[in-house]
Each structure stands twice: as C-alpha cells, then as structure tokens.
C-alpha cells in the first residue's frame, strides 16, 4: 500500500533521498513511510516543512494531525 501523501512529498522534494535529507532520516526510512510503514509524530512536521506546507499533517495521517493540534 503506497502512502499517497508521502509519494507527493517525495515528488515535491525531488527524490526519496532528498526528502530523507530534509527530514533528518535515512532513505530507507522514507521508503518505509512510502510503503505503509508508520510515521512517528516527530517527523510529521518535518515532512510538512520539507514540502513548504504543500503536504499538510492531516494529509499524512488524520489521527496524527489531531494529536498535533491538541498539543
């Protein structure tokens, strides 16, 4: 199952490696996110920032977006 938000984020960043660099993770971590692996809350806002807000927290995971708003 491909995570469409991460797929879009990779496209915006230019590659899995570039998104990884912007988020401070390894490329295999981005591959895992892309293929349905869990995304830790601490990386959601890094992905949002890496895409200049083109990807929103609620695009990545609606449940995580609610948690971020509550904090």
N, C-alpha and C. Protein backbone atom coordinates (compact mmCIF):
# COMPACT_ATOMS: atom_id res chain seq x y z
N UNK A 1 0.84 -1.18 0.00
CA UNK A 1 0.00 0.00 0.00
C UNK A 1 0.89 1.25 0.00
N UNK A 2 0.74 2.08 -0.98
CA UNK A 2 1.54 3.29 -1.09
C UNK A 2 0.86 4.44 -0.36
N UNK A 3 1.62 5.14 0.46
CA UNK A 3 1.12 6.32 1.15
C UNK A 3 1.17 7.48 0.15
N UNK A 4 0.00 7.92 -0.29
CA UNK A 4 -0.09 8.94 -1.34
C UNK A 4 0.51 10.28 -0.90
N UNK A 5 0.36 10.64 0.37
CA UNK A 5 0.93 11.90 0.85
C UNK A 5 2.45 11.86 0.79
N UNK A 6 3.03 10.74 1.18
CA UNK A 6 4.49 10.61 1.12
C UNK A 6 4.95 10.56 -0.33
N UNK A 7 4.18 9.91 -1.18
CA UNK A 7 4.51 9.88 -2.61
C UNK A 7 4.57 11.30 -3.16
N UNK A 8 3.60 12.13 -2.78
CA UNK A 8 3.59 13.53 -3.21
C UNK A 8 4.78 14.28 -2.61
N UNK A 9 5.08 14.02 -1.34
CA UNK A 9 6.21 14.68 -0.68
C UNK A 9 7.53 14.34 -1.38
N UNK A 10 7.70 13.09 -1.76
CA UNK A 10 8.90 12.67 -2.49
C UNK A 10 8.98 13.44 -3.81
N UNK A 11 7.85 13.57 -4.50
CA UNK A 11 7.83 14.31 -5.76
C UNK A 11 8.20 15.77 -5.57
N UNK A 12 7.69 16.37 -4.51
CA UNK A 12 7.99 17.78 -4.22
C UNK A 12 9.47 17.95 -3.87
N UNK A 13 9.99 17.05 -3.05
CA UNK A 13 11.40 17.14 -2.64
C UNK A 13 12.34 16.81 -3.79
N UNK A 14 11.91 15.92 -4.68
CA UNK A 14 12.74 15.56 -5.82
C UNK A 14 13.19 14.11 -5.82
N UNK A 15 13.27 13.51 -4.64
CA UNK A 15 13.64 12.10 -4.54
C UNK A 15 13.45 11.65 -3.09
N UNK A 16 13.48 10.34 -2.90
CA UNK A 16 13.41 9.81 -1.54
C UNK A 16 14.61 10.30 -0.73
N UNK A 17 15.78 10.31 -1.34
CA UNK A 17 16.99 10.75 -0.62
C UNK A 17 16.89 12.21 -0.23
N UNK A 18 16.38 13.05 -1.11
CA UNK A 18 16.28 14.47 -0.78
C UNK A 18 15.28 14.70 0.35
N UNK A 19 14.15 13.98 0.33
CA UNK A 19 13.18 14.10 1.42
C UNK A 19 13.82 13.60 2.72
N UNK A 20 14.55 12.51 2.63
CA UNK A 20 15.24 11.97 3.81
C UNK A 20 16.19 13.01 4.39
N UNK A 21 16.98 13.64 3.54
CA UNK A 21 17.94 14.65 4.00
C UNK A 21 17.22 15.81 4.68
N UNK A 22 16.11 16.26 4.10
CA UNK A 22 15.36 17.37 4.67
C UNK A 22 14.72 17.02 6.01
N UNK A 23 14.40 15.75 6.19
CA UNK A 23 13.74 15.30 7.42
C UNK A 23 14.71 14.74 8.46
N UNK A 24 15.98 14.60 8.09
CA UNK A 24 16.96 14.08 9.02
C UNK A 24 16.85 12.58 9.26
N UNK A 25 16.44 11.86 8.23
CA UNK A 25 16.33 10.40 8.32
C UNK A 25 17.07 9.77 7.15
N UNK A 26 17.13 8.45 7.14
CA UNK A 26 17.78 7.74 6.04
C UNK A 26 16.76 7.51 4.91
N UNK A 27 17.27 7.26 3.72
CA UNK A 27 16.40 6.97 2.58
C UNK A 27 15.55 5.74 2.82
N UNK A 28 16.08 4.68 3.44
CA UNK A 28 15.22 3.52 3.71
C UNK A 28 14.03 3.86 4.63
N UNK A 29 14.19 4.85 5.50
CA UNK A 29 13.07 5.27 6.34
C UNK A 29 11.97 5.88 5.48
N UNK A 30 12.35 6.71 4.51
CA UNK A 30 11.37 7.30 3.60
C UNK A 30 10.70 6.20 2.78
N UNK A 31 11.47 5.22 2.34
CA UNK A 31 10.89 4.10 1.59
C UNK A 31 9.84 3.39 2.44
N UNK A 32 10.15 3.19 3.73
CA UNK A 32 9.21 2.53 4.64
C UNK A 32 7.94 3.37 4.79
N UNK A 33 8.10 4.69 4.95
CA UNK A 33 6.92 5.58 5.03
C UNK A 33 6.09 5.45 3.76
N UNK A 34 6.76 5.45 2.64
CA UNK A 34 6.08 5.38 1.34
C UNK A 34 5.29 4.10 1.18
N UNK A 35 5.77 3.02 1.75
CA UNK A 35 5.13 1.72 1.58
C UNK A 35 4.31 1.28 2.79
N UNK A 36 3.78 2.27 3.50
CA UNK A 36 2.82 1.98 4.55
C UNK A 36 3.37 1.80 5.94
N UNK A 37 4.66 2.04 6.11
CA UNK A 37 5.23 1.96 7.46
C UNK A 37 4.79 3.14 8.29
N UNK A 38 4.76 2.99 9.57
CA UNK A 38 4.33 4.06 10.46
C UNK A 38 5.27 5.25 10.42
N UNK A 39 4.68 6.43 10.57
CA UNK A 39 5.45 7.66 10.61
C UNK A 39 5.32 8.22 12.02
N UNK A 40 6.45 8.34 12.71
CA UNK A 40 6.43 8.87 14.06
C UNK A 40 5.99 10.33 14.04
N UNK A 41 5.27 10.71 15.09
CA UNK A 41 4.73 12.06 15.19
C UNK A 41 5.81 13.11 15.00
N UNK A 42 7.00 12.85 15.53
CA UNK A 42 8.07 13.86 15.46
C UNK A 42 8.51 14.16 14.03
N UNK A 43 8.17 13.29 13.08
CA UNK A 43 8.57 13.54 11.69
C UNK A 43 7.48 14.19 10.85
N UNK A 44 6.27 14.21 11.34
CA UNK A 44 5.16 14.77 10.55
C UNK A 44 5.44 16.23 10.20
N UNK A 45 5.79 17.04 11.19
CA UNK A 45 6.02 18.46 10.91
C UNK A 45 7.29 18.67 10.09
N UNK A 46 8.24 17.76 10.18
CA UNK A 46 9.43 17.86 9.33
C UNK A 46 9.06 17.65 7.87
N UNK A 47 8.14 16.72 7.62
CA UNK A 47 7.67 16.47 6.26
C UNK A 47 6.90 17.69 5.75
N UNK A 48 6.04 18.25 6.60
CA UNK A 48 5.29 19.45 6.23
C UNK A 48 6.26 20.57 5.85
N UNK A 49 7.28 20.78 6.69
CA UNK A 49 8.27 21.83 6.44
C UNK A 49 9.08 21.54 5.18
N UNK A 50 9.45 20.28 4.97
CA UNK A 50 10.25 19.90 3.81
C UNK A 50 9.51 20.16 2.50
N UNK A 51 8.18 20.17 2.56
CA UNK A 51 7.37 20.41 1.35
C UNK A 51 6.83 21.83 1.32
N UNK A 52 7.37 22.69 2.17
CA UNK A 52 6.91 24.08 2.26
C UNK A 52 5.41 24.18 2.47
N UNK A 53 4.87 23.25 3.25
CA UNK A 53 3.45 23.27 3.58
C UNK A 53 2.53 22.72 2.51
N UNK A 54 3.09 22.23 1.41
CA UNK A 54 2.25 21.67 0.35
C UNK A 54 1.60 20.36 0.80
N UNK A 55 2.28 19.65 1.69
CA UNK A 55 1.71 18.47 2.34
C UNK A 55 1.35 18.89 3.75
N UNK A 56 0.13 18.68 4.14
CA UNK A 56 -0.35 19.04 5.48
C UNK A 56 -0.28 17.82 6.39
N UNK A 57 -0.22 18.07 7.70
CA UNK A 57 -0.18 16.97 8.67
C UNK A 57 -1.37 16.04 8.49
N UNK A 58 -2.55 16.60 8.25
CA UNK A 58 -3.74 15.76 8.07
C UNK A 58 -3.69 14.93 6.79
N UNK A 59 -2.87 15.36 5.82
CA UNK A 59 -2.69 14.55 4.60
C UNK A 59 -1.90 13.28 4.93
N UNK A 60 -0.95 13.41 5.83
CA UNK A 60 -0.09 12.28 6.19
C UNK A 60 -0.85 11.28 7.03
N UNK A 61 -1.53 11.77 8.06
CA UNK A 61 -2.31 10.89 8.94
C UNK A 61 -3.29 11.74 9.73
N UNK A 62 -4.58 11.62 9.46
CA UNK A 62 -5.58 12.44 10.16
C UNK A 62 -5.49 12.31 11.68
N UNK A 63 -5.19 11.13 12.18
CA UNK A 63 -5.08 10.94 13.63
C UNK A 63 -3.90 11.71 14.20
N UNK A 64 -2.79 11.71 13.50
CA UNK A 64 -1.62 12.45 13.96
C UNK A 64 -1.89 13.94 13.94
N UNK A 65 -2.59 14.42 12.95
CA UNK A 65 -2.92 15.84 12.86
C UNK A 65 -3.72 16.28 14.08
N UNK A 66 -4.67 15.45 14.52
CA UNK A 66 -5.46 15.78 15.71
C UNK A 66 -4.57 15.85 16.94
N UNK A 67 -3.63 14.93 17.07
CA UNK A 67 -2.71 14.94 18.20
C UNK A 67 -1.84 16.19 18.22
N UNK A 68 -1.37 16.60 17.04
CA UNK A 68 -0.53 17.77 16.95
C UNK A 68 -1.29 19.03 17.32
N UNK A 69 -2.56 19.11 16.93
CA UNK A 69 -3.37 20.28 17.26
C UNK A 69 -3.67 20.33 18.74
N UNK A 70 -3.79 19.18 19.38
CA UNK A 70 -4.11 19.12 20.81
C UNK A 70 -2.93 19.52 21.67
N UNK A 71 -1.71 19.38 21.15
CA UNK A 71 -0.52 19.68 21.97
C UNK A 71 -0.14 21.13 21.91
